[in-house]
Amino acid sequence: MLGIGEYAGITGLSVKALRHYDEKGVLVPAEVDERSSYRRYADAQVRAGVVISALRSAGVPLPEVAAATRAGTAAEALQAHRERVLAEREQEDRAFEAAEVALRALAVPVEVAERTMPAQPYVGQVLTIALDEADGPGDDEANEIFGALATRVHAAGLGPTGRFWTALRAGEPGSAELVCCWPTSAEAEGDLADLAAILPARTELVATWRPRDGEELPEGTLHPAIVALFDAAGDRGLRLDGVEVRQTVLGEGPEDVAVEVSLTVAG
């Protein structure tokens, strides 16, 4: 028989850990003195102690260690834990890479200015976004809407007269609206009447983000132009709650791309 201190020295488990493992039923000593509660371990328990020490040193959770010790499946438990750890490391690596990409994008200088714009008729189709859902409308869905809407605008002889834009605005409680918009030469009628509206004459606060070295944004990251817009609004003492934010893509090709974000500050 081995006293708890001797057993601890042989197996590499601390006395404190052995007491805890006894309480949890992971490694129960062969004998416990009724008066002193002193624990003693059988020689045959050395193997179990060494196995438990190895698994715990590798970070295997205690419930899995207990199950593996009882079933004699220590190697399988270690392999399962290893696979889980490697998967978590891959996920962490992706998160670090995404964070680096986001920080590089946020470091690109953003041009912020005010401009005066005339009234602009347009047609817009609304996509409703549930705020409690992780996945909103994707680029493919929006592109499909823009393509179909452009075809209808062209068929009606109304253009489009410029670049498309998206507008993000408040919707019903718990939701937001993403509006896919095309500018038109006049207010649409007929089968486009339900989608027609006019963006009033206004003064806009505009932020333009132009990547310098191919910077991109990871999915789920707020665009740097919008961040800059909030910075500028804060500097000007503006309140943005409930304000419609409009976004469009500028440029003539993949090497000449900029994102412009605007909001109305005066009408």
Protein backbone atom coordinates (compact mmCIF):
# COMPACT_ATOMS: atom_id res chain seq x y z
CA MET A 1 0.00 0.00 0.00
CA LEU A 2 1.11 3.54 -0.71
CA GLY A 3 0.33 6.62 1.35
CA ILE A 4 -1.18 9.54 -0.48
CA GLY A 5 2.08 11.50 -0.48
CA GLU A 6 4.09 8.59 -1.79
CA TYR A 7 1.45 7.80 -4.39
CA ALA A 8 1.43 11.44 -5.48
CA GLY A 9 5.20 11.41 -5.93
CA ILE A 10 5.11 8.24 -8.01
CA THR A 11 2.19 9.15 -10.30
CA GLY A 12 2.85 12.87 -10.72
CA LEU A 13 -0.56 13.79 -9.32
CA SER A 14 -0.69 16.35 -6.52
CA VAL A 15 -2.17 15.50 -3.14
CA LYS A 16 -4.81 18.17 -3.71
CA ALA A 17 -5.74 16.63 -7.06
CA LEU A 18 -5.95 13.14 -5.54
CA ARG A 19 -8.38 14.35 -2.90
CA HIS A 20 -10.47 16.01 -5.60
CA TYR A 21 -10.43 12.89 -7.78
CA ASP A 22 -11.57 10.85 -4.79
CA GLU A 23 -14.48 13.21 -4.17
CA LYS A 24 -15.46 13.03 -7.85
CA GLY A 25 -15.12 9.24 -8.03
CA VAL A 26 -12.38 9.41 -10.65
CA LEU A 27 -9.68 7.69 -8.59
CA VAL A 28 -10.89 6.25 -5.30
CA PRO A 29 -8.16 5.14 -2.85
CA ALA A 30 -8.03 1.51 -1.80
CA GLU A 31 -8.31 2.47 1.88
CA VAL A 32 -9.38 5.52 3.86
CA ASP A 33 -8.70 5.67 7.60
CA GLU A 34 -12.03 6.19 9.37
CA ARG A 35 -10.55 8.42 12.06
CA SER A 36 -7.95 10.46 10.17
CA SER A 37 -9.41 10.18 6.62
CA TYR A 38 -5.88 9.37 5.48
CA ARG A 39 -5.91 7.85 2.01
CA ARG A 40 -3.89 4.85 0.90
CA TYR A 41 -3.57 3.45 -2.59
CA ALA A 42 -2.91 -0.06 -3.81
CA ASP A 43 0.16 -0.82 -5.87
CA ALA A 44 -2.16 -1.85 -8.69
CA GLN A 45 -3.57 1.70 -8.79
CA VAL A 46 -0.27 3.21 -9.92
CA ARG A 47 -1.07 2.54 -13.58
CA ALA A 48 -4.43 4.30 -13.30
CA GLY A 49 -2.77 7.26 -11.60
CA VAL A 50 -0.14 7.60 -14.31
CA VAL A 51 -2.80 7.35 -17.04
CA ILE A 52 -4.93 9.99 -15.34
CA SER A 53 -1.91 12.25 -14.91
CA ALA A 54 -1.06 11.93 -18.61
CA LEU A 55 -4.61 12.68 -19.74
CA ARG A 56 -5.00 15.64 -17.43
CA SER A 57 -1.61 17.05 -18.49
CA ALA A 58 -2.92 16.98 -22.07
CA GLY A 59 -6.00 18.92 -20.99
CA VAL A 60 -8.55 16.11 -21.28
CA PRO A 61 -11.64 17.17 -19.27
CA LEU A 62 -12.12 15.32 -15.99
CA PRO A 63 -15.45 13.64 -16.89
CA GLU A 64 -13.82 12.19 -20.01
CA VAL A 65 -10.82 11.07 -17.97
CA ALA A 66 -13.12 9.31 -15.53
CA ALA A 67 -15.02 7.54 -18.31
CA ALA A 68 -11.82 6.52 -20.11
CA THR A 69 -10.27 5.19 -16.91
CA ARG A 70 -13.30 3.05 -16.17
CA ALA A 71 -13.57 1.77 -19.75
CA GLY A 72 -9.86 1.39 -20.45
CA THR A 73 -10.09 3.75 -23.43
CA ALA A 74 -7.43 6.32 -22.52
CA ALA A 75 -5.86 6.37 -26.01
CA GLU A 76 -9.24 6.93 -27.65
CA ALA A 77 -10.08 9.73 -25.21
CA LEU A 78 -6.75 11.41 -25.88
CA GLN A 79 -7.22 11.20 -29.65
CA ALA A 80 -10.75 12.61 -29.45
CA HIS A 81 -9.50 15.49 -27.32
CA ARG A 82 -6.62 16.12 -29.72
CA GLU A 83 -8.98 16.34 -32.69
CA ARG A 84 -11.21 18.75 -30.80
CA VAL A 85 -8.25 20.93 -29.81
CA LEU A 86 -6.90 21.02 -33.37
CA ALA A 87 -10.33 22.02 -34.69
CA GLU A 88 -10.51 24.81 -32.10
CA ARG A 89 -7.02 25.98 -33.06
CA GLU A 90 -8.01 26.14 -36.71
CA GLN A 91 -11.05 28.19 -35.76
CA GLU A 92 -8.89 30.50 -33.64
CA ASP A 93 -6.40 30.88 -36.49
CA ARG A 94 -9.21 31.87 -38.85
CA ALA A 95 -10.49 34.35 -36.27
CA PHE A 96 -7.01 35.89 -35.88
CA GLU A 97 -6.62 36.15 -39.65
CA ALA A 98 -10.05 37.78 -39.98
CA ALA A 99 -9.19 40.23 -37.21
CA GLU A 100 -5.93 41.17 -38.95
CA VAL A 101 -7.79 41.69 -42.24
CA ALA A 102 -10.41 43.84 -40.49
CA LEU A 103 -7.77 45.98 -38.75
CA ARG A 104 -5.90 46.52 -42.03
CA ALA A 105 -9.13 47.62 -43.69
CA LEU A 106 -9.94 49.96 -40.80
CA ALA A 107 -6.47 51.51 -41.08
CA VAL A 108 -7.14 52.71 -44.65
CA PRO A 109 -7.85 56.48 -44.59
CA VAL A 110 -11.49 57.33 -45.32
CA GLU A 111 -12.49 60.57 -47.03
CA VAL A 112 -15.42 62.23 -45.25
CA ALA A 113 -17.19 65.30 -46.62
CA GLU A 114 -20.55 67.02 -46.91
CA ARG A 115 -22.25 67.53 -50.26
CA THR A 116 -25.52 68.90 -51.56
CA MET A 117 -27.58 66.61 -53.80
CA PRO A 118 -30.74 67.23 -55.88
CA ALA A 119 -33.87 65.14 -55.57
CA GLN A 120 -33.52 61.72 -57.20
CA PRO A 121 -36.40 59.45 -58.26
CA TYR A 122 -35.68 55.76 -57.92
CA VAL A 123 -37.19 52.32 -57.66
CA GLY A 124 -36.31 50.11 -54.72
CA GLN A 125 -37.13 46.58 -53.66
CA VAL A 126 -37.11 45.82 -49.94
CA LEU A 127 -35.44 42.86 -48.26
CA THR A 128 -36.44 42.37 -44.63
CA ILE A 129 -33.67 41.41 -42.20
CA ALA A 130 -34.51 39.71 -38.90
CA LEU A 131 -32.12 41.25 -36.35
CA ASP A 132 -32.00 38.10 -34.21
CA GLU A 133 -30.78 35.94 -37.10
CA ALA A 134 -27.07 35.55 -37.83
CA ASP A 135 -27.51 35.20 -41.59
CA GLY A 136 -29.07 38.07 -43.50
CA PRO A 137 -29.60 38.42 -47.25
CA GLY A 138 -26.51 37.36 -49.18
CA ASP A 139 -24.79 39.04 -52.10
CA ASP A 140 -26.26 36.54 -54.55
CA GLU A 141 -29.81 37.38 -53.48
CA ALA A 142 -29.17 41.13 -53.69
CA ASN A 143 -27.46 40.81 -57.08
CA GLU A 144 -30.41 38.83 -58.41
CA ILE A 145 -32.79 41.56 -57.27
CA PHE A 146 -30.64 44.31 -58.79
CA GLY A 147 -30.44 42.46 -62.09
CA ALA A 148 -34.19 41.86 -62.34
CA LEU A 149 -34.98 45.41 -61.26
CA ALA A 150 -32.58 46.93 -63.80
CA THR A 151 -34.25 44.94 -66.56
CA ARG A 152 -37.67 46.30 -65.56
CA VAL A 153 -36.37 49.88 -65.32
CA HIS A 154 -34.79 49.61 -68.76
CA ALA A 155 -37.97 48.14 -70.24
CA ALA A 156 -39.94 51.07 -68.82
CA GLY A 157 -37.58 53.53 -70.52
CA LEU A 158 -36.47 55.03 -67.20
CA GLY A 159 -32.78 54.19 -67.25
CA PRO A 160 -31.22 53.27 -64.91
CA THR A 161 -29.61 56.71 -64.90
CA GLY A 162 -26.67 55.96 -62.60
CA ARG A 163 -25.17 53.51 -60.17
CA PHE A 164 -27.31 51.33 -57.96
CA TRP A 165 -27.21 51.71 -54.19
CA THR A 166 -28.45 49.89 -51.13
CA ALA A 167 -30.20 51.65 -48.27
CA LEU A 168 -30.35 50.27 -44.75
CA ARG A 169 -33.16 51.57 -42.58
CA ALA A 170 -35.23 50.62 -39.58
CA GLY A 171 -38.11 48.21 -40.15
CA GLU A 172 -40.73 46.70 -37.91
CA PRO A 173 -39.64 45.96 -34.31
CA GLY A 174 -36.95 43.27 -34.39
CA SER A 175 -36.14 43.83 -38.05
CA ALA A 176 -34.41 46.14 -40.51
CA GLU A 177 -34.94 46.80 -44.20
CA LEU A 178 -32.30 46.56 -46.90
CA VAL A 179 -33.54 48.37 -50.01
CA CYS A 180 -31.99 47.61 -53.42
CA CYS A 181 -32.29 50.86 -55.41
CA TRP A 182 -31.80 52.03 -59.02
CA PRO A 183 -31.97 55.74 -59.96
CA THR A 184 -34.53 56.56 -62.65
CA SER A 185 -35.08 59.48 -65.01
CA ALA A 186 -38.58 60.09 -63.62
CA GLU A 187 -40.87 58.70 -60.96
CA ALA A 188 -41.92 55.24 -62.11
CA GLU A 189 -45.53 54.40 -62.88
CA GLY A 190 -47.44 51.31 -63.96
CA ASP A 191 -46.15 47.99 -62.66
CA LEU A 192 -43.18 49.76 -61.04
CA ALA A 193 -45.30 52.28 -59.16
CA ASP A 194 -45.28 50.24 -55.94
CA LEU A 195 -41.47 50.32 -55.95
CA ALA A 196 -41.13 53.99 -56.87
CA ALA A 197 -39.97 56.72 -54.50
CA ILE A 198 -38.01 59.97 -54.50
CA LEU A 199 -34.87 60.65 -52.51
CA PRO A 200 -35.43 64.32 -51.58
CA ALA A 201 -32.98 67.14 -52.19
CA ARG A 202 -30.57 66.99 -49.28
CA THR A 203 -27.23 67.66 -47.68
CA GLU A 204 -25.36 64.41 -47.18
CA LEU A 205 -22.49 63.33 -45.02
CA VAL A 206 -20.41 61.07 -47.27
CA ALA A 207 -17.59 58.66 -46.42
CA THR A 208 -15.51 57.10 -49.22
CA TRP A 209 -13.24 54.10 -48.59
CA ARG A 210 -10.72 53.20 -51.28
CA PRO A 211 -8.41 50.22 -50.63
CA ARG A 212 -4.73 50.92 -51.22
CA ASP A 213 -3.17 47.45 -51.19
CA GLY A 214 -6.06 45.15 -51.99
CA GLU A 215 -7.56 45.33 -48.49
CA GLU A 216 -10.72 43.31 -48.09
CA LEU A 217 -13.30 42.84 -45.37
CA PRO A 218 -14.07 39.57 -43.58
CA GLU A 219 -17.71 38.60 -43.49
CA GLY A 220 -19.64 40.12 -40.62
CA THR A 221 -17.36 43.16 -40.18
CA LEU A 222 -18.91 46.62 -40.26
CA HIS A 223 -17.57 48.48 -43.28
CA PRO A 224 -14.80 51.02 -42.51
CA ALA A 225 -16.71 53.71 -44.41
CA ILE A 226 -19.67 53.26 -42.07
CA VAL A 227 -17.34 53.34 -39.06
CA ALA A 228 -15.87 56.60 -40.38
CA LEU A 229 -19.37 57.95 -40.88
CA PHE A 230 -20.16 57.28 -37.22
CA ASP A 231 -16.87 58.96 -36.24
CA ALA A 232 -17.76 62.03 -38.28
CA ALA A 233 -21.31 62.12 -36.95
CA GLY A 234 -19.95 61.98 -33.41
CA ASP A 235 -17.54 64.83 -34.11
CA ARG A 236 -20.44 66.90 -35.46
CA GLY A 237 -22.80 66.03 -32.61
CA LEU A 238 -25.25 64.27 -34.94
CA ARG A 239 -27.57 61.49 -33.81
CA LEU A 240 -27.81 58.55 -36.19
CA ASP A 241 -30.54 56.50 -34.54
CA GLY A 242 -33.22 55.74 -37.12
CA VAL A 243 -31.24 57.34 -39.97
CA GLU A 244 -31.16 55.65 -43.38
CA VAL A 245 -27.63 54.74 -44.47
CA ARG A 246 -26.98 54.45 -48.21
CA GLN A 247 -24.09 52.55 -49.77
CA THR A 248 -22.82 52.28 -53.33
CA VAL A 249 -19.75 50.87 -55.06
CA LEU A 250 -17.64 53.19 -57.22
CA GLY A 251 -14.93 52.39 -59.76
CA GLU A 252 -14.55 51.04 -63.25
CA GLY A 253 -13.02 47.62 -62.55
CA PRO A 254 -11.62 45.25 -59.93
CA GLU A 255 -8.44 47.33 -59.59
CA ASP A 256 -10.39 50.57 -59.15
CA VAL A 257 -12.99 49.97 -56.46
CA ALA A 258 -14.25 52.28 -53.75
CA VAL A 259 -17.19 52.11 -51.38
CA GLU A 260 -19.22 55.22 -50.69
CA VAL A 261 -21.56 55.48 -47.71
CA SER A 262 -23.85 58.43 -47.12
CA LEU A 263 -26.63 59.69 -44.89
CA THR A 264 -28.82 62.76 -44.93
CA VAL A 265 -27.91 65.46 -42.41
CA ALA A 266 -30.24 68.18 -43.71
CA GLY A 267 -33.18 68.19 -46.08
